[in-house]
Structure formats: C-alpha cells, structure tokens
PDB file of N, CA and C in Angstrom:
ATOM      1  N   MET A   1      19.112   2.797  -9.108  1.00  0.00           N
ATOM      2  CA  MET A   1      17.658   2.591  -8.827  1.00  0.00           C
ATOM      3  C   MET A   1      16.803   1.172  -8.930  1.00  0.00           C
ATOM      4  N   ARG A   2      16.433   1.178  -7.345  1.00  0.00           N
ATOM      5  CA  ARG A   2      15.574  -0.276  -7.463  1.00  0.00           C
ATOM      6  C   ARG A   2      13.881   0.039  -8.220  1.00  0.00           C
ATOM      7  N   LEU A   3      13.611  -0.655  -8.695  1.00  0.00           N
ATOM      8  CA  LEU A   3      12.225  -0.818  -8.838  1.00  0.00           C
ATOM      9  C   LEU A   3      11.820  -1.791  -8.380  1.00  0.00           C
ATOM     10  N   VAL A   4      10.245  -2.015  -8.386  1.00  0.00           N
ATOM     11  CA  VAL A   4       9.927  -3.063  -7.391  1.00  0.00           C
ATOM     12  C   VAL A   4       8.394  -3.608  -8.917  1.00  0.00           C
ATOM     13  N   LYS A   5       8.300  -4.527  -9.412  1.00  0.00           N
ATOM     14  CA  LYS A   5       7.574  -5.520 -10.305  1.00  0.00           C
ATOM     15  C   LYS A   5       5.739  -5.052  -8.731  1.00  0.00           C
ATOM     16  N   LEU A   6       4.490  -4.645  -9.032  1.00  0.00           N
ATOM     17  CA  LEU A   6       3.501  -4.710  -8.947  1.00  0.00           C
ATOM     18  C   LEU A   6       2.449  -4.887  -9.768  1.00  0.00           C
ATOM     19  N   SER A   7       2.252  -5.979  -9.395  1.00  0.00           N
ATOM     20  CA  SER A   7       0.548  -6.779  -9.973  1.00  0.00           C
ATOM     21  C   SER A   7      -1.031  -5.666 -10.468  1.00  0.00           C
ATOM     22  N   THR A   8      -1.461  -5.257 -10.091  1.00  0.00           N
ATOM     23  CA  THR A   8      -2.354  -3.871 -10.701  1.00  0.00           C
ATOM     24  C   THR A   8      -3.838  -4.411 -11.601  1.00  0.00           C
ATOM     25  N   PRO A   9      -5.095  -3.848 -11.006  1.00  0.00           N
ATOM     26  CA  PRO A   9      -6.098  -3.887 -12.106  1.00  0.00           C
ATOM     27  C   PRO A   9      -5.823  -4.439 -13.816  1.00  0.00           C
ATOM     28  N   GLU A  10      -5.031  -3.477 -13.980  1.00  0.00           N
ATOM     29  CA  GLU A  10      -4.705  -2.927 -15.856  1.00  0.00           C
ATOM     30  C   GLU A  10      -3.391  -4.200 -16.110  1.00  0.00           C
ATOM     31  N   GLY A  11      -3.137  -4.199 -15.234  1.00  0.00           N
ATOM     32  CA  GLY A  11      -1.578  -4.837 -16.155  1.00  0.00           C
ATOM     33  C   GLY A  11      -0.725  -4.194 -14.411  1.00  0.00           C
ATOM     34  N   SER A  12       0.667  -4.928 -15.389  1.00  0.00           N
ATOM     35  CA  SER A  12       1.922  -4.523 -13.966  1.00  0.00           C
ATOM     36  C   SER A  12       2.289  -2.745 -14.067  1.00  0.00           C
ATOM     37  N   ILE A  13       3.369  -2.545 -12.148  1.00  0.00           N
ATOM     38  CA  ILE A  13       3.135  -1.486 -12.874  1.00  0.00           C
ATOM     39  C   ILE A  13       5.204  -1.554 -11.804  1.00  0.00           C
ATOM     40  N   TYR A  14       5.517  -0.539 -12.033  1.00  0.00           N
ATOM     41  CA  TYR A  14       7.508  -0.529 -11.772  1.00  0.00           C
ATOM     42  C   TYR A  14       6.706   1.050 -10.202  1.00  0.00           C
ATOM     43  N   ILE A  15       7.628  -0.288  -9.654  1.00  0.00           N
ATOM     44  CA  ILE A  15       7.667   1.319  -8.407  1.00  0.00           C
ATOM     45  C   ILE A  15       9.174   1.791  -7.752  1.00  0.00           C
ATOM     46  N   ASN A  16       9.769   2.747  -7.616  1.00  0.00           N
ATOM     47  CA  ASN A  16      11.175   3.320  -6.700  1.00  0.00           C
ATOM     48  C   ASN A  16      10.216   3.004  -5.194  1.00  0.00           C
ATOM     49  N   PRO A  17      11.206   2.057  -4.218  1.00  0.00           N
ATOM     50  CA  PRO A  17      10.818   2.135  -3.279  1.00  0.00           C
ATOM     51  C   PRO A  17      11.534   3.082  -2.130  1.00  0.00           C
ATOM     52  N   GLU A  18      11.668   4.102  -2.972  1.00  0.00           N
ATOM     53  CA  GLU A  18      11.996   4.941  -2.178  1.00  0.00           C
ATOM     54  C   GLU A  18      11.266   6.043  -1.950  1.00  0.00           C
ATOM     55  N   HIS A  19      10.543   5.836  -3.360  1.00  0.00           N
ATOM     56  CA  HIS A  19       9.578   6.875  -3.220  1.00  0.00           C
ATOM     57  C   HIS A  19       8.038   7.055  -2.168  1.00  0.00           C
ATOM     58  N   VAL A  20       8.388   5.287  -2.066  1.00  0.00           N
ATOM     59  CA  VAL A  20       6.195   5.077  -1.036  1.00  0.00           C
ATOM     60  C   VAL A  20       6.406   5.678  -0.027  1.00  0.00           C
ATOM     61  N   VAL A  21       5.937   6.542  -0.252  1.00  0.00           N
ATOM     62  CA  VAL A  21       4.802   6.918   1.468  1.00  0.00           C
ATOM     63  C   VAL A  21       4.401   6.174   2.537  1.00  0.00           C
ATOM     64  N   ALA A  22       2.968   5.713   1.914  1.00  0.00           N
ATOM     65  CA  ALA A  22       2.235   4.361   2.667  1.00  0.00           C
ATOM     66  C   ALA A  22       1.501   3.658   1.435  1.00  0.00           C
ATOM     67  N   ILE A  23       1.793   2.831   2.276  1.00  0.00           N
ATOM     68  CA  ILE A  23       0.512   1.320   2.160  1.00  0.00           C
ATOM     69  C   ILE A  23      -0.557   0.725   3.052  1.00  0.00           C
ATOM     70  N   VAL A  24      -1.778   1.286   1.741  1.00  0.00           N
ATOM     71  CA  VAL A  24      -3.127   1.284   2.426  1.00  0.00           C
ATOM     72  C   VAL A  24      -3.477  -0.200   2.749  1.00  0.00           C
ATOM     73  N   LYS A  25      -4.909  -0.744   3.440  1.00  0.00           N
ATOM     74  CA  LYS A  25      -5.355  -1.824   3.210  1.00  0.00           C
ATOM     75  C   LYS A  25      -6.604  -1.641   2.721  1.00  0.00           C
ATOM     76  N   GLY A  26      -7.529  -1.785   1.258  1.00  0.00           N
ATOM     77  CA  GLY A  26      -8.473  -1.543   1.235  1.00  0.00           C
ATOM     78  C   GLY A  26      -9.556  -2.554   1.868  1.00  0.00           C
ATOM     79  N   LEU A  27     -10.142  -3.302   1.226  1.00  0.00           N
ATOM     80  CA  LEU A  27     -11.211  -4.514   1.066  1.00  0.00           C
ATOM     81  C   LEU A  27     -11.166  -5.500   0.281  1.00  0.00           C
ATOM     82  N   ARG A  28     -10.565  -4.900  -0.596  1.00  0.00           N
ATOM     83  CA  ARG A  28     -10.490  -6.712  -1.362  1.00  0.00           C
ATOM     84  C   ARG A  28      -8.975  -6.079  -2.637  1.00  0.00           C
ATOM     85  N   ASP A  29      -8.129  -4.701  -2.106  1.00  0.00           N
ATOM     86  CA  ASP A  29      -6.927  -4.822  -3.204  1.00  0.00           C
ATOM     87  C   ASP A  29      -6.043  -3.425  -2.021  1.00  0.00           C
ATOM     88  N   THR A  30      -4.837  -3.520  -2.411  1.00  0.00           N
ATOM     89  CA  THR A  30      -4.036  -2.558  -1.765  1.00  0.00           C
ATOM     90  C   THR A  30      -3.588  -1.152  -1.903  1.00  0.00           C
ATOM     91  N   LYS A  31      -3.491  -0.395  -1.702  1.00  0.00           N
ATOM     92  CA  LYS A  31      -3.588   1.581  -2.263  1.00  0.00           C
ATOM     93  C   LYS A  31      -2.303   1.641  -1.527  1.00  0.00           C
ATOM     94  N   VAL A  32      -0.508   1.864  -2.438  1.00  0.00           N
ATOM     95  CA  VAL A  32       0.399   1.962  -2.012  1.00  0.00           C
ATOM     96  C   VAL A  32       0.605   4.012  -2.996  1.00  0.00           C
ATOM     97  N   GLU A  33       0.705   4.300  -1.840  1.00  0.00           N
ATOM     98  CA  GLU A  33       1.046   5.700  -2.161  1.00  0.00           C
ATOM     99  C   GLU A  33       2.317   6.430  -2.395  1.00  0.00           C
ATOM    100  N   THR A  34       2.675   7.052  -3.324  1.00  0.00           N
ATOM    101  CA  THR A  34       4.159   7.981  -3.863  1.00  0.00           C
ATOM    102  C   THR A  34       3.930   8.662  -3.188  1.00  0.00           C
ATOM    103  N   VAL A  35       4.639  10.103  -3.490  1.00  0.00           N
ATOM    104  CA  VAL A  35       4.932  11.219  -3.839  1.00  0.00           C
ATOM    105  C   VAL A  35       4.179  11.634  -5.064  1.00  0.00           C
ATOM    106  N   ALA A  36       4.282  10.643  -5.989  1.00  0.00           N
ATOM    107  CA  ALA A  36       3.042  11.593  -6.872  1.00  0.00           C
ATOM    108  C   ALA A  36       2.353  10.640  -6.924  1.00  0.00           C
ATOM    109  N   SER A  37       2.112  10.021  -6.805  1.00  0.00           N
ATOM    110  CA  SER A  37       0.965   9.338  -7.311  1.00  0.00           C
ATOM    111  C   SER A  37      -0.194   8.456  -6.393  1.00  0.00           C
ATOM    112  N   THR A  38      -0.853   8.053  -6.262  1.00  0.00           N
ATOM    113  CA  THR A  38      -1.376   6.762  -5.982  1.00  0.00           C
ATOM    114  C   THR A  38      -1.733   5.793  -6.893  1.00  0.00           C
ATOM    115  N   HIS A  39      -1.289   4.478  -6.961  1.00  0.00           N
ATOM    116  CA  HIS A  39      -1.769   3.142  -7.338  1.00  0.00           C
ATOM    117  C   HIS A  39      -2.422   1.905  -6.760  1.00  0.00           C
ATOM    118  N   ILE A  40      -2.782   1.723  -6.950  1.00  0.00           N
ATOM    119  CA  ILE A  40      -4.371   0.510  -6.350  1.00  0.00           C
ATOM    120  C   ILE A  40      -3.508  -1.288  -6.860  1.00  0.00           C
ATOM    121  N   VAL A  41      -3.083  -1.792  -5.685  1.00  0.00           N
ATOM    122  CA  VAL A  41      -2.217  -3.273  -6.584  1.00  0.00           C
ATOM    123  C   VAL A  41      -3.146  -4.739  -6.011  1.00  0.00           C
ATOM    124  N   LYS A  42      -2.793  -5.503  -6.530  1.00  0.00           N
ATOM    125  CA  LYS A  42      -3.600  -7.225  -5.625  1.00  0.00           C
ATOM    126  C   LYS A  42      -3.024  -7.268  -4.747  1.00  0.00           C
ATOM    127  N   ASP A  43      -1.634  -7.169  -4.255  1.00  0.00           N
ATOM    128  CA  ASP A  43      -1.287  -8.072  -3.221  1.00  0.00           C
ATOM    129  C   ASP A  43      -1.892  -6.670  -2.267  1.00  0.00           C
ATOM    130  N   PRO A  44      -1.842  -8.213  -0.678  1.00  0.00           N
ATOM    131  CA  PRO A  44      -1.833  -7.746   0.604  1.00  0.00           C
ATOM    132  C   PRO A  44      -1.115  -6.402   1.167  1.00  0.00           C
ATOM    133  N   PRO A  45      -0.690  -5.937   2.342  1.00  0.00           N
ATOM    134  CA  PRO A  45      -0.478  -4.547   2.436  1.00  0.00           C
ATOM    135  C   PRO A  45       1.506  -5.960   3.396  1.00  0.00           C
ATOM    136  N   GLU A  46       1.492  -6.766   2.752  1.00  0.00           N
ATOM    137  CA  GLU A  46       2.483  -7.644   4.040  1.00  0.00           C
ATOM    138  C   GLU A  46       3.263  -8.363   2.676  1.00  0.00           C
ATOM    139  N   VAL A  47       2.314  -8.698   1.531  1.00  0.00           N
ATOM    140  CA  VAL A  47       3.424  -9.075   0.205  1.00  0.00           C
ATOM    141  C   VAL A  47       3.861  -7.871  -0.312  1.00  0.00           C
ATOM    142  N   VAL A  48       3.288  -6.830  -0.502  1.00  0.00           N
ATOM    143  CA  VAL A  48       3.268  -5.498  -0.679  1.00  0.00           C
ATOM    144  C   VAL A  48       4.852  -5.254  -0.243  1.00  0.00           C
ATOM    145  N   ALA A  49       4.929  -4.312   1.791  1.00  0.00           N
ATOM    146  CA  ALA A  49       6.111  -4.011   1.909  1.00  0.00           C
ATOM    147  C   ALA A  49       7.238  -5.427   2.101  1.00  0.00           C
ATOM    148  N   ARG A  50       7.005  -6.484   1.816  1.00  0.00           N
ATOM    149  CA  ARG A  50       7.995  -7.314   1.600  1.00  0.00           C
ATOM    150  C   ARG A  50       8.729  -7.531   1.165  1.00  0.00           C
ATOM    151  N   LEU A  51       8.074  -6.978  -0.708  1.00  0.00           N
ATOM    152  CA  LEU A  51       8.780  -7.220  -2.247  1.00  0.00           C
ATOM    153  C   LEU A  51       9.188  -5.484  -2.063  1.00  0.00           C
ATOM    154  N   LEU A  52       9.013  -4.469  -1.251  1.00  0.00           N
ATOM    155  CA  LEU A  52       9.218  -2.952  -1.105  1.00  0.00           C
ATOM    156  C   LEU A  52      10.475  -2.737  -0.221  1.00  0.00           C
ATOM    157  N   GLY A  53      10.666  -4.004   0.270  1.00  0.00           N
ATOM    158  CA  GLY A  53      11.899  -4.329   1.354  1.00  0.00           C
ATOM    159  C   GLY A  53      11.898  -2.823   2.570  1.00  0.00           C
ATOM    160  N   LEU A  54      10.860  -3.356   2.937  1.00  0.00           N
ATOM    161  CA  LEU A  54      10.198  -3.479   4.223  1.00  0.00           C
ATOM    162  C   LEU A  54      10.966  -3.744   6.217  1.00  0.00           C
ATOM    163  N   GLU A  55      11.531  -3.750   6.559  1.00  0.00           N
ATOM    164  CA  GLU A  55      11.822  -4.517   7.815  1.00  0.00           C
ATOM    165  C   GLU A  55      10.688  -4.674   8.350  1.00  0.00           C
ATOM    166  N   GLU A  56      10.320  -3.487   8.733  1.00  0.00           N
ATOM    167  CA  GLU A  56       8.864  -3.706  10.164  1.00  0.00           C
ATOM    168  C   GLU A  56       7.605  -3.306   8.632  1.00  0.00           C
ATOM    169  N   ILE A  57       6.911  -3.208   9.431  1.00  0.00           N
ATOM    170  CA  ILE A  57       5.212  -3.058   9.056  1.00  0.00           C
ATOM    171  C   ILE A  57       3.966  -2.619   9.860  1.00  0.00           C
ATOM    172  N   GLU A  58       3.990  -1.625  10.218  1.00  0.00           N
ATOM    173  CA  GLU A  58       3.457  -1.451  11.194  1.00  0.00           C
ATOM    174  C   GLU A  58       1.571  -1.419  10.925  1.00  0.00           C
ATOM    175  N   LEU A  59       0.652  -2.136  11.685  1.00  0.00           N
ATOM    176  CA  LEU A  59      -0.884  -2.174  10.696  1.00  0.00           C
ATOM    177  C   LEU A  59      -1.513  -1.859  11.942  1.00  0.00           C
ATOM    178  N   ASP A  60      -2.748  -0.888  11.407  1.00  0.00           N
ATOM    179  CA  ASP A  60      -3.400   0.315  12.444  1.00  0.00           C
ATOM    180  C   ASP A  60      -4.928  -1.018  11.808  1.00  0.00           C
ATOM    181  N   VAL A  61      -5.012  -1.307  12.920  1.00  0.00           N
ATOM    182  CA  VAL A  61      -6.384  -2.352  12.144  1.00  0.00           C
ATOM    183  C   VAL A  61      -7.658  -1.926  13.229  1.00  0.00           C
ATOM    184  N   THR A  62      -7.873  -0.520  13.523  1.00  0.00           N
ATOM    185  CA  THR A  62      -8.216   0.403  13.861  1.00  0.00           C
ATOM    186  C   THR A  62      -9.701   0.711  12.715  1.00  0.00           C
ATOM    187  N   PRO A  63     -10.867   0.200  13.330  1.00  0.00           N
ATOM    188  CA  PRO A  63     -11.881   0.478  12.321  1.00  0.00           C
ATOM    189  C   PRO A  63     -12.542   1.536  12.458  1.00  0.00           C
ATOM    190  N   LYS A  64     -12.025   2.347  10.567  1.00  0.00           N
ATOM    191  CA  LYS A  64     -12.543   4.113  10.622  1.00  0.00           C
ATOM    192  C   LYS A  64     -14.163   3.949   9.738  1.00  0.00           C
ATOM    193  N   ALA A  65     -14.841   4.347  11.717  1.00  0.00           N
ATOM    194  CA  ALA A  65     -16.501   4.149  11.354  1.00  0.00           C
ATOM    195  C   ALA A  65     -16.877   5.294  11.121  1.00  0.00           C
ATOM    196  N   VAL A  66     -17.462   5.898  10.317  1.00  0.00           N
ATOM    197  CA  VAL A  66     -18.431   7.487   9.985  1.00  0.00           C
ATOM    198  C   VAL A  66     -19.429   7.480  11.193  1.00  0.00           C
ATOM    199  N   GLY A  67     -19.353   8.761  11.755  1.00  0.00           N
ATOM    200  CA  GLY A  67     -20.747   8.948  12.802  1.00  0.00           C
ATOM    201  C   GLY A  67     -20.442   8.860  14.174  1.00  0.00           C
ATOM    202  N   TRP A  68     -18.834   8.039  13.758  1.00  0.00           N
ATOM    203  CA  TRP A  68     -18.611   7.440  15.974  1.00  0.00           C
ATOM    204  C   TRP A  68     -18.081   9.236  16.119  1.00  0.00           C
ATOM    205  N   LYS A  69     -18.378   9.530  17.597  1.00  0.00           N
ATOM    206  CA  LYS A  69     -17.934  10.349  18.028  1.00  0.00           C
ATOM    207  C   LYS A  69     -17.090  10.139  19.464  1.00  0.00           C
ATOM    208  N   GLU A  70     -15.480  10.824  19.521  1.00  0.00           N
ATOM    209  CA  GLU A  70     -15.242   9.951  20.385  1.00  0.00           C
ATOM    210  C   GLU A  70     -15.643  11.273  21.765  1.00  0.00           C
ATOM    211  N   ASP A  71     -15.538  10.176  22.947  1.00  0.00           N
ATOM    212  CA  ASP A  71     -16.175  11.277  24.328  1.00  0.00           C
ATOM    213  C   ASP A  71     -14.765  11.483  24.426  1.00  0.00           C
TER     214      ASP A  71
END
C-alpha cells in the first residue's frame, strides 16, 4: 500500500491514492474526496493530482452560479 503525505490546515495526513474519488478546487484550498471521507488540503489541485500519481486530470472550469436557468 502506498501512502501520500498531504498538508492540511490542522497538520499532515496520509492518503492512499487508490481510495481517492475526486479532487475539487475551492477558493483557497483543495478538497480531496476519498471513499471514506473528505479532506481539505492546502495544495492546488494540479499538485495534489501529481502527488497522487494521476497522469491526466480533467479540469472543469465552468463557473457554478446559483439561480442560473438553462434554456
């Protein structure tokens, strides 16, 4: 089992890359969703993806606005 050390606001955590479901960019931090829970880390999504060993990451840059209706 391989573990990756990531920095959080509270300290450091170790995550198994095989258990990562999603990496979501926030305003200041990055959210890493695993099969067990969600963790907030300080690094940008590109760095987190590289540390976890992902060769290719799909970035969704579509803004999420509240109240927009699709026509």
